[in-house]
Amino acid sequence: MNKALMVGMACGILAQVLSFIQLQVNVKMNLMDKYPVVILLSAIPIAWLHIIAVRSLATAFDGQMWPGRLIGFGVGIVVFTAMGMIFFGEGITVKNAVCVLLAFVIMAIQVFVK
């Protein structure tokens, strides 16, 4: 794997984790009511990470946007599933397992198939 791909995936994973906390954890714990400025200002570094991820993935795929978009989609599915288990104790159903498996397949196709 090249450096741009690794940077893109790492920033994408971190951005997805922070987005999950900002959005889903916020709803469950009413953080917007308690810390509105923190929740709103957290959008700036999260957006910055998403921008770096998109730029790095586009670089990794010679300017093509679709491979990075599909990798971002796959990363989002995997992160959302893991964070749902960690924060909310949501188990994996057959439907969720199939979706996660498909997310890995989509990412693998983008990374390994030329």
N, C-alpha and C. Protein backbone atom coordinates (compact mmCIF):
# COMPACT_ATOMS: atom_id res chain seq x y z
N MET A 1 0.84 -1.18 0.00
CA MET A 1 0.00 0.00 0.00
C MET A 1 0.89 1.24 0.00
N ASN A 2 0.44 2.25 -0.73
CA ASN A 2 1.24 3.46 -0.77
C ASN A 2 0.87 4.39 0.39
N LYS A 3 1.71 5.39 0.60
CA LYS A 3 1.54 6.29 1.74
C LYS A 3 0.22 7.07 1.68
N ALA A 4 -0.14 7.55 0.51
CA ALA A 4 -1.38 8.33 0.37
C ALA A 4 -2.60 7.48 0.75
N LEU A 5 -2.58 6.22 0.37
CA LEU A 5 -3.69 5.33 0.72
C LEU A 5 -3.77 5.11 2.22
N MET A 6 -2.61 4.90 2.85
CA MET A 6 -2.60 4.69 4.31
C MET A 6 -3.04 5.95 5.06
N VAL A 7 -2.56 7.12 4.62
CA VAL A 7 -2.97 8.38 5.26
C VAL A 7 -4.47 8.60 5.07
N GLY A 8 -4.96 8.35 3.86
CA GLY A 8 -6.38 8.52 3.58
C GLY A 8 -7.25 7.62 4.44
N MET A 9 -6.85 6.38 4.55
CA MET A 9 -7.65 5.44 5.36
C MET A 9 -7.56 5.79 6.85
N ALA A 10 -6.38 6.14 7.32
CA ALA A 10 -6.23 6.49 8.74
C ALA A 10 -7.05 7.74 9.09
N CYS A 11 -6.97 8.77 8.26
CA CYS A 11 -7.75 9.99 8.51
C CYS A 11 -9.25 9.70 8.37
N GLY A 12 -9.60 8.84 7.43
CA GLY A 12 -11.01 8.47 7.26
C GLY A 12 -11.55 7.73 8.47
N ILE A 13 -10.76 6.82 9.00
CA ILE A 13 -11.19 6.08 10.20
C ILE A 13 -11.35 7.02 11.38
N LEU A 14 -10.35 7.88 11.60
CA LEU A 14 -10.44 8.82 12.72
C LEU A 14 -11.62 9.77 12.54
N ALA A 15 -11.83 10.26 11.34
CA ALA A 15 -12.96 11.16 11.07
C ALA A 15 -14.29 10.45 11.33
N GLN A 16 -14.40 9.19 10.92
CA GLN A 16 -15.64 8.44 11.15
C GLN A 16 -15.88 8.21 12.63
N VAL A 17 -14.83 7.90 13.38
CA VAL A 17 -14.98 7.70 14.83
C VAL A 17 -15.46 8.99 15.49
N LEU A 18 -14.82 10.10 15.15
CA LEU A 18 -15.22 11.38 15.75
C LEU A 18 -16.62 11.80 15.30
N SER A 19 -16.96 11.53 14.05
CA SER A 19 -18.32 11.83 13.58
C SER A 19 -19.36 11.02 14.33
N PHE A 20 -19.04 9.76 14.60
CA PHE A 20 -19.96 8.91 15.36
C PHE A 20 -20.20 9.50 16.75
N ILE A 21 -19.12 9.91 17.39
CA ILE A 21 -19.26 10.50 18.73
C ILE A 21 -20.06 11.80 18.65
N GLN A 22 -19.73 12.64 17.68
CA GLN A 22 -20.41 13.92 17.54
C GLN A 22 -21.90 13.75 17.26
N LEU A 23 -22.26 12.76 16.48
CA LEU A 23 -23.66 12.62 16.06
C LEU A 23 -24.43 11.60 16.90
N GLN A 24 -24.03 10.33 16.86
CA GLN A 24 -24.80 9.28 17.53
C GLN A 24 -24.68 9.34 19.06
N VAL A 25 -23.46 9.45 19.56
CA VAL A 25 -23.30 9.52 21.01
C VAL A 25 -23.97 10.79 21.54
N ASN A 26 -23.85 11.86 20.80
CA ASN A 26 -24.51 13.11 21.16
C ASN A 26 -26.01 12.91 21.35
N VAL A 27 -26.65 12.21 20.43
CA VAL A 27 -28.10 12.00 20.53
C VAL A 27 -28.44 11.16 21.75
N LYS A 28 -27.70 10.09 21.98
CA LYS A 28 -27.99 9.20 23.12
C LYS A 28 -27.75 9.88 24.46
N MET A 29 -26.75 10.75 24.54
CA MET A 29 -26.37 11.34 25.83
C MET A 29 -26.76 12.81 25.96
N ASN A 30 -27.49 13.34 24.99
CA ASN A 30 -27.92 14.75 25.01
C ASN A 30 -26.75 15.71 25.22
N LEU A 31 -25.65 15.46 24.56
CA LEU A 31 -24.48 16.32 24.72
C LEU A 31 -24.70 17.71 24.16
N MET A 32 -25.55 17.83 23.14
CA MET A 32 -25.82 19.14 22.55
C MET A 32 -26.44 20.07 23.58
N ASP A 33 -27.27 19.52 24.46
CA ASP A 33 -27.88 20.34 25.51
C ASP A 33 -26.86 20.77 26.55
N LYS A 34 -25.90 19.89 26.84
CA LYS A 34 -24.92 20.16 27.89
C LYS A 34 -23.71 20.95 27.38
N TYR A 35 -23.24 20.62 26.17
CA TYR A 35 -22.01 21.21 25.63
C TYR A 35 -22.19 21.65 24.17
N PRO A 36 -23.11 22.57 23.90
CA PRO A 36 -23.39 22.91 22.50
C PRO A 36 -22.19 23.46 21.75
N VAL A 37 -21.38 24.27 22.39
CA VAL A 37 -20.23 24.86 21.71
C VAL A 37 -19.21 23.79 21.33
N VAL A 38 -18.98 22.84 22.22
CA VAL A 38 -18.03 21.76 21.95
C VAL A 38 -18.52 20.91 20.77
N ILE A 39 -19.80 20.56 20.79
CA ILE A 39 -20.35 19.73 19.72
C ILE A 39 -20.26 20.46 18.38
N LEU A 40 -20.62 21.73 18.37
CA LEU A 40 -20.60 22.49 17.11
C LEU A 40 -19.17 22.75 16.62
N LEU A 41 -18.26 23.11 17.53
CA LEU A 41 -16.89 23.38 17.11
C LEU A 41 -16.12 22.11 16.74
N SER A 42 -16.58 20.98 17.22
CA SER A 42 -15.90 19.73 16.85
C SER A 42 -16.06 19.42 15.37
N ALA A 43 -17.02 20.08 14.73
CA ALA A 43 -17.23 19.87 13.30
C ALA A 43 -16.03 20.35 12.48
N ILE A 44 -15.30 21.32 12.97
CA ILE A 44 -14.17 21.87 12.20
C ILE A 44 -13.05 20.83 12.05
N PRO A 45 -12.51 20.26 13.13
CA PRO A 45 -11.45 19.25 12.92
C PRO A 45 -11.97 17.99 12.23
N ILE A 46 -13.23 17.63 12.46
CA ILE A 46 -13.78 16.45 11.80
C ILE A 46 -13.85 16.68 10.29
N ALA A 47 -14.33 17.84 9.87
CA ALA A 47 -14.38 18.17 8.44
C ALA A 47 -12.97 18.20 7.85
N TRP A 48 -12.02 18.74 8.59
CA TRP A 48 -10.64 18.80 8.13
C TRP A 48 -10.09 17.39 7.90
N LEU A 49 -10.38 16.47 8.81
CA LEU A 49 -9.94 15.08 8.64
C LEU A 49 -10.59 14.43 7.41
N HIS A 50 -11.87 14.69 7.21
CA HIS A 50 -12.55 14.16 6.02
C HIS A 50 -11.91 14.71 4.74
N ILE A 51 -11.58 15.98 4.74
CA ILE A 51 -10.95 16.60 3.56
C ILE A 51 -9.59 15.96 3.28
N ILE A 52 -8.79 15.77 4.32
CA ILE A 52 -7.48 15.12 4.14
C ILE A 52 -7.66 13.70 3.62
N ALA A 53 -8.65 12.99 4.16
CA ALA A 53 -8.91 11.62 3.71
C ALA A 53 -9.27 11.59 2.23
N VAL A 54 -10.17 12.46 1.82
CA VAL A 54 -10.60 12.49 0.41
C VAL A 54 -9.43 12.86 -0.49
N ARG A 55 -8.69 13.87 -0.11
CA ARG A 55 -7.54 14.31 -0.92
C ARG A 55 -6.49 13.20 -1.03
N SER A 56 -6.19 12.54 0.08
CA SER A 56 -5.18 11.48 0.07
C SER A 56 -5.65 10.28 -0.75
N LEU A 57 -6.91 9.91 -0.62
CA LEU A 57 -7.42 8.78 -1.40
C LEU A 57 -7.46 9.11 -2.89
N ALA A 58 -7.82 10.33 -3.22
CA ALA A 58 -7.79 10.74 -4.63
C ALA A 58 -6.36 10.68 -5.17
N THR A 59 -5.41 11.10 -4.37
CA THR A 59 -4.00 11.03 -4.77
C THR A 59 -3.57 9.58 -4.97
N ALA A 60 -3.99 8.72 -4.05
CA ALA A 60 -3.62 7.30 -4.12
C ALA A 60 -4.16 6.63 -5.38
N PHE A 61 -5.27 7.13 -5.90
CA PHE A 61 -5.89 6.53 -7.08
C PHE A 61 -5.78 7.44 -8.30
N ASP A 62 -4.68 8.19 -8.39
CA ASP A 62 -4.37 9.02 -9.56
C ASP A 62 -5.49 9.98 -9.92
N GLY A 63 -6.10 10.60 -8.94
CA GLY A 63 -7.13 11.60 -9.16
C GLY A 63 -8.54 11.07 -9.30
N GLN A 64 -8.70 9.77 -9.35
CA GLN A 64 -10.05 9.20 -9.44
C GLN A 64 -10.76 9.35 -8.10
N MET A 65 -12.03 9.72 -8.14
CA MET A 65 -12.79 9.95 -6.91
C MET A 65 -13.55 8.71 -6.44
N TRP A 66 -14.02 7.88 -7.36
CA TRP A 66 -14.85 6.73 -6.97
C TRP A 66 -14.16 5.74 -6.05
N PRO A 67 -12.92 5.35 -6.30
CA PRO A 67 -12.31 4.39 -5.38
C PRO A 67 -12.26 4.90 -3.95
N GLY A 68 -11.89 6.17 -3.78
CA GLY A 68 -11.83 6.75 -2.44
C GLY A 68 -13.21 6.84 -1.80
N ARG A 69 -14.21 7.15 -2.62
CA ARG A 69 -15.59 7.23 -2.11
C ARG A 69 -16.05 5.87 -1.60
N LEU A 70 -15.75 4.83 -2.36
CA LEU A 70 -16.17 3.49 -1.95
C LEU A 70 -15.39 3.00 -0.74
N ILE A 71 -14.11 3.37 -0.65
CA ILE A 71 -13.34 3.04 0.55
C ILE A 71 -13.92 3.79 1.75
N GLY A 72 -14.25 5.06 1.58
CA GLY A 72 -14.87 5.83 2.65
C GLY A 72 -16.18 5.23 3.12
N PHE A 73 -16.98 4.75 2.16
CA PHE A 73 -18.23 4.08 2.49
C PHE A 73 -17.97 2.84 3.33
N GLY A 74 -17.02 2.02 2.90
CA GLY A 74 -16.70 0.79 3.62
C GLY A 74 -16.18 1.08 5.02
N VAL A 75 -15.29 2.05 5.12
CA VAL A 75 -14.76 2.43 6.43
C VAL A 75 -15.89 2.90 7.34
N GLY A 76 -16.81 3.68 6.80
CA GLY A 76 -17.94 4.17 7.59
C GLY A 76 -18.80 3.04 8.13
N ILE A 77 -19.06 2.03 7.31
CA ILE A 77 -19.87 0.89 7.75
C ILE A 77 -19.17 0.14 8.87
N VAL A 78 -17.88 -0.12 8.69
CA VAL A 78 -17.12 -0.88 9.69
C VAL A 78 -17.01 -0.10 11.00
N VAL A 79 -16.69 1.18 10.91
CA VAL A 79 -16.56 2.01 12.11
C VAL A 79 -17.91 2.13 12.83
N PHE A 80 -18.98 2.37 12.08
CA PHE A 80 -20.30 2.51 12.70
C PHE A 80 -20.68 1.24 13.45
N THR A 81 -20.42 0.10 12.85
CA THR A 81 -20.74 -1.18 13.49
C THR A 81 -19.94 -1.36 14.77
N ALA A 82 -18.64 -1.11 14.70
CA ALA A 82 -17.78 -1.27 15.88
C ALA A 82 -18.16 -0.29 16.98
N MET A 83 -18.41 0.95 16.62
CA MET A 83 -18.75 1.96 17.62
C MET A 83 -20.12 1.69 18.22
N GLY A 84 -21.05 1.19 17.44
CA GLY A 84 -22.36 0.82 17.98
C GLY A 84 -22.24 -0.27 19.03
N MET A 85 -21.33 -1.21 18.78
CA MET A 85 -21.10 -2.28 19.76
C MET A 85 -20.44 -1.72 21.03
N ILE A 86 -19.45 -0.85 20.85
CA ILE A 86 -18.70 -0.30 21.99
C ILE A 86 -19.56 0.62 22.84
N PHE A 87 -20.23 1.58 22.21
CA PHE A 87 -20.96 2.60 22.96
C PHE A 87 -22.36 2.18 23.38
N PHE A 88 -23.03 1.40 22.55
CA PHE A 88 -24.43 1.10 22.81
C PHE A 88 -24.72 -0.36 23.05
N GLY A 89 -23.69 -1.21 22.99
CA GLY A 89 -23.88 -2.63 23.23
C GLY A 89 -24.74 -3.31 22.19
N GLU A 90 -24.79 -2.73 20.99
CA GLU A 90 -25.60 -3.32 19.93
C GLU A 90 -24.85 -4.52 19.35
N GLY A 91 -25.51 -5.64 19.31
CA GLY A 91 -24.88 -6.84 18.78
C GLY A 91 -24.89 -6.85 17.26
N ILE A 92 -24.26 -7.89 16.73
CA ILE A 92 -24.21 -8.05 15.29
C ILE A 92 -25.29 -9.04 14.88
N THR A 93 -26.20 -8.58 14.05
CA THR A 93 -27.22 -9.45 13.49
C THR A 93 -26.69 -10.03 12.18
N VAL A 94 -27.39 -10.96 11.62
CA VAL A 94 -26.99 -11.52 10.33
C VAL A 94 -26.93 -10.41 9.29
N LYS A 95 -27.92 -9.54 9.31
CA LYS A 95 -27.98 -8.43 8.36
C LYS A 95 -26.75 -7.52 8.50
N ASN A 96 -26.40 -7.19 9.75
CA ASN A 96 -25.23 -6.34 9.98
C ASN A 96 -23.95 -7.04 9.55
N ALA A 97 -23.83 -8.32 9.86
CA ALA A 97 -22.63 -9.08 9.49
C ALA A 97 -22.45 -9.12 7.98
N VAL A 98 -23.54 -9.31 7.26
CA VAL A 98 -23.46 -9.33 5.79
C VAL A 98 -23.02 -7.97 5.27
N CYS A 99 -23.57 -6.90 5.84
CA CYS A 99 -23.19 -5.55 5.42
C CYS A 99 -21.72 -5.27 5.69
N VAL A 100 -21.23 -5.68 6.85
CA VAL A 100 -19.81 -5.48 7.17
C VAL A 100 -18.93 -6.30 6.23
N LEU A 101 -19.33 -7.53 5.96
CA LEU A 101 -18.58 -8.37 5.02
C LEU A 101 -18.54 -7.71 3.64
N LEU A 102 -19.67 -7.21 3.18
CA LEU A 102 -19.72 -6.53 1.88
C LEU A 102 -18.85 -5.27 1.88
N ALA A 103 -18.82 -4.56 3.01
CA ALA A 103 -17.98 -3.37 3.11
C ALA A 103 -16.51 -3.74 2.94
N PHE A 104 -16.08 -4.83 3.59
CA PHE A 104 -14.70 -5.29 3.43
C PHE A 104 -14.42 -5.71 1.99
N VAL A 105 -15.36 -6.38 1.37
CA VAL A 105 -15.19 -6.80 -0.03
C VAL A 105 -15.06 -5.57 -0.93
N ILE A 106 -15.91 -4.58 -0.73
CA ILE A 106 -15.84 -3.35 -1.53
C ILE A 106 -14.49 -2.67 -1.37
N MET A 107 -14.01 -2.56 -0.11
CA MET A 107 -12.71 -1.93 0.11
C MET A 107 -11.59 -2.74 -0.52
N ALA A 108 -11.64 -4.06 -0.39
CA ALA A 108 -10.60 -4.92 -0.96
C ALA A 108 -10.56 -4.79 -2.49
N ILE A 109 -11.71 -4.73 -3.11
CA ILE A 109 -11.75 -4.56 -4.57
C ILE A 109 -11.08 -3.26 -4.97
N GLN A 110 -11.36 -2.19 -4.25
CA GLN A 110 -10.77 -0.89 -4.60
C GLN A 110 -9.26 -0.89 -4.40
N VAL A 111 -8.80 -1.55 -3.36
CA VAL A 111 -7.37 -1.51 -3.03
C VAL A 111 -6.55 -2.50 -3.88
N PHE A 112 -7.08 -3.69 -4.08
CA PHE A 112 -6.27 -4.75 -4.68
C PHE A 112 -6.54 -5.05 -6.15
N VAL A 113 -7.68 -4.65 -6.68
CA VAL A 113 -7.99 -4.93 -8.09
C VAL A 113 -7.64 -3.70 -8.92
N LYS A 114 -6.83 -3.90 -9.91
CA LYS A 114 -6.40 -2.77 -10.78
C LYS A 114 -7.23 -2.70 -12.02
